Amino acid sequence: MTTALITGSTAGIGAAFARRLAADGHNLVLVARDTKRLREQATELHDRHGIEAEVLTADLATDDGIEAVAGRLADRRNPVDLLINNAGFGNKGRYLDVSMADELRMLKVHCEAVLRLTSAATEAMRERGRGGVVNVASVAAFVPRGTYGASKAWVVQFTQGAARDLAGTGVRLMALCPGFVRTEFHDRAGMGTDNIPSWMWLDADKLVTAALTDLSRGRTVSIPDPRYKALMGVVKVVPRGLLGGISSKTGRKYGPQ
């Protein structure tokens, strides 16, 4: 049986990946900050699907947390075949309204942790000639909208570049770029969601199915819904100056309140 490691596994997109991969027969390494929730999740997935679910408590906003997960990914005796870099969060407020400490913490989780964990995983995968990495980004990566979008744009660019460098090694990398998904993400950031139109919401389980299909097809960027694919198609042809104004107004309308 193959093994998948999922960061931010206890809620939202991470939990959806855990459910799907367990149902498909993968053993799991579940990573999050809350040990109690991790153990409950591991027990449920083991009992339901008969897979082995390992618990790894780690805060990816800290060096110790990143090093613990990187060490597990580098373990050649218990190899990880698929890495889902899903851990992430949002800050409420515009640029300069958010503290520098919170901004740097976001970059630590979204950028440094993704770089270090992807590197640890793919080095071991390249030796074996197989493996995959999904780095969860966002459609926010494609519009000029604050630190969150900038960090996710880094994830997309990094993943595409690493995928090219590892072409032919048997290791696949993909940036997953969803839109609004009903998870704990917005509640944790204190963001209001009542004003977001219902058509903009995605189902986490359907998103994961589309993402895994795109990974199997060798895509390096996945926008897993026709509605958002159409929106991003429009984004490509709108002048950047105009797009900045639109995204700022949209952020105020549909973003943090």
C-alpha atoms as a PDB file:
ATOM      1  CA  MET A   1       0.000   0.000   0.000  1.00  0.00           C
ATOM      2  CA  THR A   2       1.223   3.489  -0.808  1.00  0.00           C
ATOM      3  CA  THR A   3       1.415   6.277   1.772  1.00  0.00           C
ATOM      4  CA  ALA A   4       0.226   9.878   1.504  1.00  0.00           C
ATOM      5  CA  LEU A   5       1.191  12.683   3.876  1.00  0.00           C
ATOM      6  CA  ILE A   6      -1.322  15.522   4.257  1.00  0.00           C
ATOM      7  CA  THR A   7      -0.651  18.778   6.089  1.00  0.00           C
ATOM      8  CA  GLY A   8      -3.646  20.581   7.545  1.00  0.00           C
ATOM      9  CA  SER A   9      -5.473  17.260   7.417  1.00  0.00           C
ATOM     10  CA  THR A  10      -8.148  17.756  10.070  1.00  0.00           C
ATOM     11  CA  ALA A  11     -10.432  20.198   8.246  1.00  0.00           C
ATOM     12  CA  GLY A  12     -11.546  21.426   4.855  1.00  0.00           C
ATOM     13  CA  ILE A  13      -9.621  20.442   1.749  1.00  0.00           C
ATOM     14  CA  GLY A  14      -7.066  18.484   3.788  1.00  0.00           C
ATOM     15  CA  ALA A  15      -9.790  16.388   5.405  1.00  0.00           C
ATOM     16  CA  ALA A  16     -11.375  15.784   1.995  1.00  0.00           C
ATOM     17  CA  PHE A  17      -8.043  14.529   0.659  1.00  0.00           C
ATOM     18  CA  ALA A  18      -7.704  12.262   3.702  1.00  0.00           C
ATOM     19  CA  ARG A  19     -11.177  10.768   3.187  1.00  0.00           C
ATOM     20  CA  ARG A  20     -10.649  10.161  -0.509  1.00  0.00           C
ATOM     21  CA  LEU A  21      -7.144   8.725  -0.240  1.00  0.00           C
ATOM     22  CA  ALA A  22      -8.140   6.453   2.648  1.00  0.00           C
ATOM     23  CA  ALA A  23     -11.130   5.224   0.649  1.00  0.00           C
ATOM     24  CA  ASP A  24      -8.754   4.482  -2.236  1.00  0.00           C
ATOM     25  CA  GLY A  25      -6.608   2.334   0.081  1.00  0.00           C
ATOM     26  CA  HIS A  26      -3.690   4.645   0.832  1.00  0.00           C
ATOM     27  CA  ASN A  27      -2.050   4.633   4.238  1.00  0.00           C
ATOM     28  CA  LEU A  28      -1.847   8.145   5.651  1.00  0.00           C
ATOM     29  CA  VAL A  29       0.402  10.436   7.659  1.00  0.00           C
ATOM     30  CA  LEU A  30      -1.891  13.103   9.090  1.00  0.00           C
ATOM     31  CA  VAL A  31      -0.292  16.423  10.033  1.00  0.00           C
ATOM     32  CA  ALA A  32      -1.882  19.300  11.964  1.00  0.00           C
ATOM     33  CA  ARG A  33      -1.461  21.245  15.213  1.00  0.00           C
ATOM     34  CA  ASP A  34      -4.281  19.643  17.238  1.00  0.00           C
ATOM     35  CA  THR A  35      -3.259  16.197  18.507  1.00  0.00           C
ATOM     36  CA  LYS A  36      -6.736  15.316  19.770  1.00  0.00           C
ATOM     37  CA  ARG A  37      -8.378  16.024  16.420  1.00  0.00           C
ATOM     38  CA  LEU A  38      -5.626  14.155  14.603  1.00  0.00           C
ATOM     39  CA  ARG A  39      -6.104  11.054  16.732  1.00  0.00           C
ATOM     40  CA  GLU A  40      -9.868  11.150  16.255  1.00  0.00           C
ATOM     41  CA  GLN A  41      -9.423  11.490  12.514  1.00  0.00           C
ATOM     42  CA  ALA A  42      -6.868   8.679  12.362  1.00  0.00           C
ATOM     43  CA  THR A  43      -9.130   6.329  14.333  1.00  0.00           C
ATOM     44  CA  GLU A  44     -12.148   7.097  12.157  1.00  0.00           C
ATOM     45  CA  LEU A  45     -10.275   6.552   8.879  1.00  0.00           C
ATOM     46  CA  HIS A  46      -8.646   3.355  10.139  1.00  0.00           C
ATOM     47  CA  ASP A  47     -11.952   1.912  11.355  1.00  0.00           C
ATOM     48  CA  ARG A  48     -13.839   2.878   8.203  1.00  0.00           C
ATOM     49  CA  HIS A  49     -11.296   1.944   5.543  1.00  0.00           C
ATOM     50  CA  GLY A  50      -8.833  -0.443   7.224  1.00  0.00           C
ATOM     51  CA  ILE A  51      -5.816   1.707   6.407  1.00  0.00           C
ATOM     52  CA  GLU A  52      -2.965   2.716   8.698  1.00  0.00           C
ATOM     53  CA  ALA A  53      -3.120   6.351   9.779  1.00  0.00           C
ATOM     54  CA  GLU A  54      -0.070   7.847  11.453  1.00  0.00           C
ATOM     55  CA  VAL A  55      -0.417  11.047  13.506  1.00  0.00           C
ATOM     56  CA  LEU A  56       2.225  13.792  13.371  1.00  0.00           C
ATOM     57  CA  THR A  57       1.534  16.928  15.411  1.00  0.00           C
ATOM     58  CA  ALA A  58       3.386  19.904  13.950  1.00  0.00           C
ATOM     59  CA  ASP A  59       2.993  23.668  13.643  1.00  0.00           C
ATOM     60  CA  LEU A  60       4.349  24.656  10.229  1.00  0.00           C
ATOM     61  CA  ALA A  61       4.750  28.247  11.362  1.00  0.00           C
ATOM     62  CA  THR A  62       7.775  27.057  13.373  1.00  0.00           C
ATOM     63  CA  ASP A  63      11.143  25.638  12.366  1.00  0.00           C
ATOM     64  CA  ASP A  64      10.653  22.667  14.679  1.00  0.00           C
ATOM     65  CA  GLY A  65       7.324  21.836  13.047  1.00  0.00           C
ATOM     66  CA  ILE A  66       8.709  22.051   9.525  1.00  0.00           C
ATOM     67  CA  GLU A  67      11.753  19.972  10.449  1.00  0.00           C
ATOM     68  CA  ALA A  68       9.590  17.258  12.015  1.00  0.00           C
ATOM     69  CA  VAL A  69       7.519  16.854   8.849  1.00  0.00           C
ATOM     70  CA  ALA A  70      10.554  17.125   6.564  1.00  0.00           C
ATOM     71  CA  GLY A  71      12.223  14.375   8.580  1.00  0.00           C
ATOM     72  CA  ARG A  72       9.231  12.095   8.084  1.00  0.00           C
ATOM     73  CA  LEU A  73       9.208  12.789   4.347  1.00  0.00           C
ATOM     74  CA  ALA A  74      12.902  11.953   4.115  1.00  0.00           C
ATOM     75  CA  ASP A  75      12.505   8.573   5.849  1.00  0.00           C
ATOM     76  CA  ARG A  76      13.602   6.024   3.246  1.00  0.00           C
ATOM     77  CA  ARG A  77      12.434   3.066   5.361  1.00  0.00           C
ATOM     78  CA  ASN A  78       8.835   4.304   5.428  1.00  0.00           C
ATOM     79  CA  PRO A  79       8.509   6.191   2.159  1.00  0.00           C
ATOM     80  CA  VAL A  80       5.830   8.749   1.393  1.00  0.00           C
ATOM     81  CA  ASP A  81       4.495   8.402  -2.154  1.00  0.00           C
ATOM     82  CA  LEU A  82       2.216  11.446  -2.230  1.00  0.00           C
ATOM     83  CA  LEU A  83       2.569  14.771  -0.404  1.00  0.00           C
ATOM     84  CA  ILE A  84      -0.389  17.127  -0.054  1.00  0.00           C
ATOM     85  CA  ASN A  85       0.900  20.532   1.102  1.00  0.00           C
ATOM     86  CA  ASN A  86      -2.453  21.892   2.245  1.00  0.00           C
ATOM     87  CA  ALA A  87      -1.797  23.769   5.508  1.00  0.00           C
ATOM     88  CA  GLY A  88      -2.598  27.459   5.272  1.00  0.00           C
ATOM     89  CA  PHE A  89      -4.614  30.359   6.629  1.00  0.00           C
ATOM     90  CA  GLY A  90      -5.739  33.901   5.875  1.00  0.00           C
ATOM     91  CA  ASN A  91      -5.335  37.188   7.703  1.00  0.00           C
ATOM     92  CA  LYS A  92      -8.224  39.595   8.053  1.00  0.00           C
ATOM     93  CA  GLY A  93      -7.410  43.087   6.893  1.00  0.00           C
ATOM     94  CA  ARG A  94      -5.674  45.035   4.150  1.00  0.00           C
ATOM     95  CA  TYR A  95      -1.947  45.502   3.788  1.00  0.00           C
ATOM     96  CA  LEU A  96      -0.556  47.475   6.768  1.00  0.00           C
ATOM     97  CA  ASP A  97      -3.673  46.631   8.788  1.00  0.00           C
ATOM     98  CA  VAL A  98      -2.197  43.186   9.519  1.00  0.00           C
ATOM     99  CA  SER A  99       0.747  42.928  11.908  1.00  0.00           C
ATOM    100  CA  MET A 100       4.165  42.137  10.471  1.00  0.00           C
ATOM    101  CA  ALA A 101       4.359  39.079  12.749  1.00  0.00           C
ATOM    102  CA  ASP A 102       1.173  37.670  11.192  1.00  0.00           C
ATOM    103  CA  GLU A 103       2.365  38.470   7.668  1.00  0.00           C
ATOM    104  CA  LEU A 104       5.661  36.660   8.263  1.00  0.00           C
ATOM    105  CA  ARG A 105       3.860  33.711   9.842  1.00  0.00           C
ATOM    106  CA  MET A 106       1.759  33.381   6.679  1.00  0.00           C
ATOM    107  CA  LEU A 107       4.848  33.414   4.484  1.00  0.00           C
ATOM    108  CA  LYS A 108       6.445  30.793   6.733  1.00  0.00           C
ATOM    109  CA  VAL A 109       3.513  28.410   6.253  1.00  0.00           C
ATOM    110  CA  HIS A 110       2.620  29.182   2.631  1.00  0.00           C
ATOM    111  CA  CYS A 111       6.121  29.569   1.186  1.00  0.00           C
ATOM    112  CA  GLU A 112       8.973  28.340   3.386  1.00  0.00           C
ATOM    113  CA  ALA A 113       7.170  25.221   4.604  1.00  0.00           C
ATOM    114  CA  VAL A 114       6.024  24.371   1.069  1.00  0.00           C
ATOM    115  CA  LEU A 115       9.573  24.792  -0.256  1.00  0.00           C
ATOM    116  CA  ARG A 116      11.212  22.720   2.471  1.00  0.00           C
ATOM    117  CA  LEU A 117       8.609  19.938   2.522  1.00  0.00           C
ATOM    118  CA  THR A 118       8.429  19.664  -1.254  1.00  0.00           C
ATOM    119  CA  SER A 119      12.227  19.457  -1.379  1.00  0.00           C
ATOM    120  CA  ALA A 120      12.386  16.755   1.301  1.00  0.00           C
ATOM    121  CA  ALA A 121       9.664  14.723  -0.404  1.00  0.00           C
ATOM    122  CA  THR A 122      10.862  14.996  -3.992  1.00  0.00           C
ATOM    123  CA  GLU A 123      14.486  14.193  -3.179  1.00  0.00           C
ATOM    124  CA  ALA A 124      13.382  10.840  -1.766  1.00  0.00           C
ATOM    125  CA  MET A 125      10.830  10.329  -4.560  1.00  0.00           C
ATOM    126  CA  ARG A 126      13.410  11.009  -7.285  1.00  0.00           C
ATOM    127  CA  GLU A 127      15.627   8.268  -5.845  1.00  0.00           C
ATOM    128  CA  ARG A 128      12.731   5.807  -6.142  1.00  0.00           C
ATOM    129  CA  GLY A 129      11.659   7.089  -9.564  1.00  0.00           C
ATOM    130  CA  ARG A 130       8.065   7.794  -8.570  1.00  0.00           C
ATOM    131  CA  GLY A 131       5.902  10.034  -6.420  1.00  0.00           C
ATOM    132  CA  GLY A 132       3.673  13.073  -6.445  1.00  0.00           C
ATOM    133  CA  VAL A 133       3.224  16.429  -4.731  1.00  0.00           C
ATOM    134  CA  VAL A 134       0.115  18.596  -4.637  1.00  0.00           C
ATOM    135  CA  ASN A 135       0.725  22.128  -3.376  1.00  0.00           C
ATOM    136  CA  VAL A 136      -2.571  23.778  -2.508  1.00  0.00           C
ATOM    137  CA  ALA A 137      -2.604  27.357  -3.807  1.00  0.00           C
ATOM    138  CA  SER A 138      -5.671  29.422  -4.783  1.00  0.00           C
ATOM    139  CA  VAL A 139      -7.218  31.314  -7.692  1.00  0.00           C
ATOM    140  CA  ALA A 140      -6.125  34.347  -5.630  1.00  0.00           C
ATOM    141  CA  ALA A 141      -2.674  33.598  -7.085  1.00  0.00           C
ATOM    142  CA  PHE A 142      -3.798  35.068 -10.412  1.00  0.00           C
ATOM    143  CA  VAL A 143      -5.029  38.474  -9.243  1.00  0.00           C
ATOM    144  CA  PRO A 144      -3.144  41.309  -7.497  1.00  0.00           C
ATOM    145  CA  ARG A 145      -4.829  41.103  -4.126  1.00  0.00           C
ATOM    146  CA  GLY A 146      -2.668  41.359  -1.008  1.00  0.00           C
ATOM    147  CA  THR A 147      -0.206  39.138   0.788  1.00  0.00           C
ATOM    148  CA  TYR A 148      -2.371  36.017   0.653  1.00  0.00           C
ATOM    149  CA  GLY A 149      -2.609  36.133  -3.132  1.00  0.00           C
ATOM    150  CA  ALA A 150       1.095  36.928  -3.418  1.00  0.00           C
ATOM    151  CA  SER A 151       2.034  33.913  -1.306  1.00  0.00           C
ATOM    152  CA  LYS A 152      -0.183  31.658  -3.402  1.00  0.00           C
ATOM    153  CA  ALA A 153       1.286  33.096  -6.609  1.00  0.00           C
ATOM    154  CA  TRP A 154       4.676  32.002  -5.267  1.00  0.00           C
ATOM    155  CA  VAL A 155       3.317  28.487  -4.708  1.00  0.00           C
ATOM    156  CA  VAL A 156       2.107  28.282  -8.310  1.00  0.00           C
ATOM    157  CA  GLN A 157       5.356  29.595  -9.809  1.00  0.00           C
ATOM    158  CA  PHE A 158       7.528  27.422  -7.595  1.00  0.00           C
ATOM    159  CA  THR A 159       5.513  24.285  -8.348  1.00  0.00           C
ATOM    160  CA  GLN A 160       5.562  24.838 -12.101  1.00  0.00           C
ATOM    161  CA  GLY A 161       9.314  25.480 -12.090  1.00  0.00           C
ATOM    162  CA  ALA A 162      10.067  22.446  -9.923  1.00  0.00           C
ATOM    163  CA  ALA A 163       7.833  20.277 -12.116  1.00  0.00           C
ATOM    164  CA  ARG A 164       9.862  21.273 -15.186  1.00  0.00           C
ATOM    165  CA  ASP A 165      13.154  20.581 -13.414  1.00  0.00           C
ATOM    166  CA  LEU A 166      11.939  17.124 -12.330  1.00  0.00           C
ATOM    167  CA  ALA A 167      10.404  16.170 -15.679  1.00  0.00           C
ATOM    168  CA  GLY A 168      11.357  12.633 -16.637  1.00  0.00           C
ATOM    169  CA  THR A 169      12.182  11.524 -13.080  1.00  0.00           C
ATOM    170  CA  GLY A 170       8.808   9.919 -12.376  1.00  0.00           C
ATOM    171  CA  VAL A 171       7.919  12.645  -9.854  1.00  0.00           C
ATOM    172  CA  ARG A 172       4.837  14.764 -10.560  1.00  0.00           C
ATOM    173  CA  LEU A 173       4.130  18.173  -9.043  1.00  0.00           C
ATOM    174  CA  MET A 174       0.910  20.143  -9.287  1.00  0.00           C
ATOM    175  CA  ALA A 175      -0.400  23.423  -7.874  1.00  0.00           C
ATOM    176  CA  LEU A 176      -4.076  23.154  -6.928  1.00  0.00           C
ATOM    177  CA  CYS A 177      -5.941  26.460  -7.291  1.00  0.00           C
ATOM    178  CA  PRO A 178      -9.475  26.331  -5.872  1.00  0.00           C
ATOM    179  CA  GLY A 179     -11.878  29.213  -5.339  1.00  0.00           C
ATOM    180  CA  PHE A 180     -14.161  29.570  -2.326  1.00  0.00           C
ATOM    181  CA  VAL A 181     -14.563  26.254  -0.499  1.00  0.00           C
ATOM    182  CA  ARG A 182     -16.748  25.747   2.569  1.00  0.00           C
ATOM    183  CA  THR A 183     -14.183  24.984   5.271  1.00  0.00           C
ATOM    184  CA  GLU A 184     -13.012  26.447   8.590  1.00  0.00           C
ATOM    185  CA  PHE A 185     -10.688  28.794   6.702  1.00  0.00           C
ATOM    186  CA  HIS A 186     -12.875  31.898   6.787  1.00  0.00           C
ATOM    187  CA  ASP A 187     -14.109  31.396  10.346  1.00  0.00           C
ATOM    188  CA  ARG A 188     -10.554  31.092  11.654  1.00  0.00           C
ATOM    189  CA  ALA A 189      -9.598  34.340   9.934  1.00  0.00           C
ATOM    190  CA  GLY A 190     -12.707  36.136  11.184  1.00  0.00           C
ATOM    191  CA  MET A 191     -13.934  36.673   7.637  1.00  0.00           C
ATOM    192  CA  GLY A 192     -17.602  37.149   6.862  1.00  0.00           C
ATOM    193  CA  THR A 193     -18.993  34.941   4.087  1.00  0.00           C
ATOM    194  CA  ASP A 194     -22.693  35.818   3.988  1.00  0.00           C
ATOM    195  CA  ASN A 195     -22.141  38.159   1.048  1.00  0.00           C
ATOM    196  CA  ILE A 196     -20.432  35.552  -1.157  1.00  0.00           C
ATOM    197  CA  PRO A 197     -22.813  34.339  -3.914  1.00  0.00           C
ATOM    198  CA  SER A 198     -23.820  30.707  -3.633  1.00  0.00           C
ATOM    199  CA  TRP A 199     -22.528  29.896  -7.134  1.00  0.00           C
ATOM    200  CA  MET A 200     -18.956  30.738  -6.070  1.00  0.00           C
ATOM    201  CA  TRP A 201     -18.798  27.982  -3.432  1.00  0.00           C
ATOM    202  CA  LEU A 202     -17.111  24.658  -4.249  1.00  0.00           C
ATOM    203  CA  ASP A 203     -17.587  21.257  -2.644  1.00  0.00           C
ATOM    204  CA  ALA A 204     -14.342  19.998  -1.076  1.00  0.00           C
ATOM    205  CA  ASP A 205     -14.894  16.337  -2.001  1.00  0.00           C
ATOM    206  CA  LYS A 206     -15.628  17.129  -5.663  1.00  0.00           C
ATOM    207  CA  LEU A 207     -12.618  19.441  -5.718  1.00  0.00           C
ATOM    208  CA  VAL A 208     -10.345  16.636  -4.513  1.00  0.00           C
ATOM    209  CA  THR A 209     -11.685  14.239  -7.138  1.00  0.00           C
ATOM    210  CA  ALA A 210     -10.946  16.780  -9.882  1.00  0.00           C
ATOM    211  CA  ALA A 211      -7.500  17.509  -8.429  1.00  0.00           C
ATOM    212  CA  LEU A 212      -6.446  13.857  -8.326  1.00  0.00           C
ATOM    213  CA  THR A 213      -7.667  13.409 -11.895  1.00  0.00           C
ATOM    214  CA  ASP A 214      -5.583  16.386 -13.016  1.00  0.00           C
ATOM    215  CA  LEU A 215      -2.532  15.028 -11.163  1.00  0.00           C
ATOM    216  CA  SER A 216      -2.904  11.658 -12.891  1.00  0.00           C
ATOM    217  CA  ARG A 217      -3.036  13.463 -16.239  1.00  0.00           C
ATOM    218  CA  GLY A 218       0.257  15.200 -15.530  1.00  0.00           C
ATOM    219  CA  ARG A 219      -1.053  18.739 -15.200  1.00  0.00           C
ATOM    220  CA  THR A 220       1.107  21.175 -13.240  1.00  0.00           C
ATOM    221  CA  VAL A 221      -1.740  23.596 -12.434  1.00  0.00           C
ATOM    222  CA  SER A 222      -5.277  22.540 -11.571  1.00  0.00           C
ATOM    223  CA  ILE A 223      -8.257  24.899 -11.419  1.00  0.00           C
ATOM    224  CA  PRO A 224     -10.834  22.252 -10.502  1.00  0.00           C
ATOM    225  CA  ASP A 225     -14.110  23.804 -11.608  1.00  0.00           C
ATOM    226  CA  PRO A 226     -15.476  25.115 -14.942  1.00  0.00           C
ATOM    227  CA  ARG A 227     -16.782  28.322 -13.312  1.00  0.00           C
ATOM    228  CA  TYR A 228     -13.389  29.326 -12.003  1.00  0.00           C
ATOM    229  CA  LYS A 229     -11.633  28.211 -15.180  1.00  0.00           C
ATOM    230  CA  ALA A 230     -13.860  30.647 -17.073  1.00  0.00           C
ATOM    231  CA  LEU A 231     -13.146  33.439 -14.592  1.00  0.00           C
ATOM    232  CA  MET A 232      -9.405  32.867 -14.803  1.00  0.00           C
ATOM    233  CA  GLY A 233      -9.667  32.907 -18.597  1.00  0.00           C
ATOM    234  CA  VAL A 234     -11.107  36.417 -18.337  1.00  0.00           C
ATOM    235  CA  VAL A 235      -8.362  37.422 -15.902  1.00  0.00           C
ATOM    236  CA  LYS A 236      -5.717  36.571 -18.499  1.00  0.00           C
ATOM    237  CA  VAL A 237      -7.041  39.158 -20.969  1.00  0.00           C
ATOM    238  CA  VAL A 238      -7.883  41.992 -18.560  1.00  0.00           C
ATOM    239  CA  PRO A 239      -5.140  44.681 -18.288  1.00  0.00           C
ATOM    240  CA  ARG A 240      -3.221  44.379 -14.997  1.00  0.00           C
ATOM    241  CA  GLY A 241      -4.006  47.942 -13.934  1.00  0.00           C
ATOM    242  CA  LEU A 242      -7.731  47.441 -14.406  1.00  0.00           C
ATOM    243  CA  LEU A 243      -7.536  44.000 -12.816  1.00  0.00           C
ATOM    244  CA  GLY A 244      -5.945  45.477  -9.706  1.00  0.00           C
ATOM    245  CA  GLY A 245      -8.852  47.853  -9.247  1.00  0.00           C
ATOM    246  CA  ILE A 246     -11.439  45.138  -9.848  1.00  0.00           C
ATOM    247  CA  SER A 247      -9.776  42.680  -7.459  1.00  0.00           C
ATOM    248  CA  SER A 248      -9.538  45.357  -4.765  1.00  0.00           C
ATOM    249  CA  LYS A 249     -13.252  46.144  -5.037  1.00  0.00           C
ATOM    250  CA  THR A 250     -14.136  42.453  -5.185  1.00  0.00           C
ATOM    251  CA  GLY A 251     -11.982  41.757  -2.147  1.00  0.00           C
ATOM    252  CA  ARG A 252     -13.857  44.392  -0.170  1.00  0.00           C
ATOM    253  CA  LYS A 253     -17.194  42.984  -1.352  1.00  0.00           C
ATOM    254  CA  TYR A 254     -16.505  39.262  -1.014  1.00  0.00           C
ATOM    255  CA  GLY A 255     -13.544  39.179   1.333  1.00  0.00           C
ATOM    256  CA  PRO A 256     -13.009  39.982   5.037  1.00  0.00           C
ATOM    257  CA  GLN A 257     -15.668  42.140   6.674  1.00  0.00           C
END
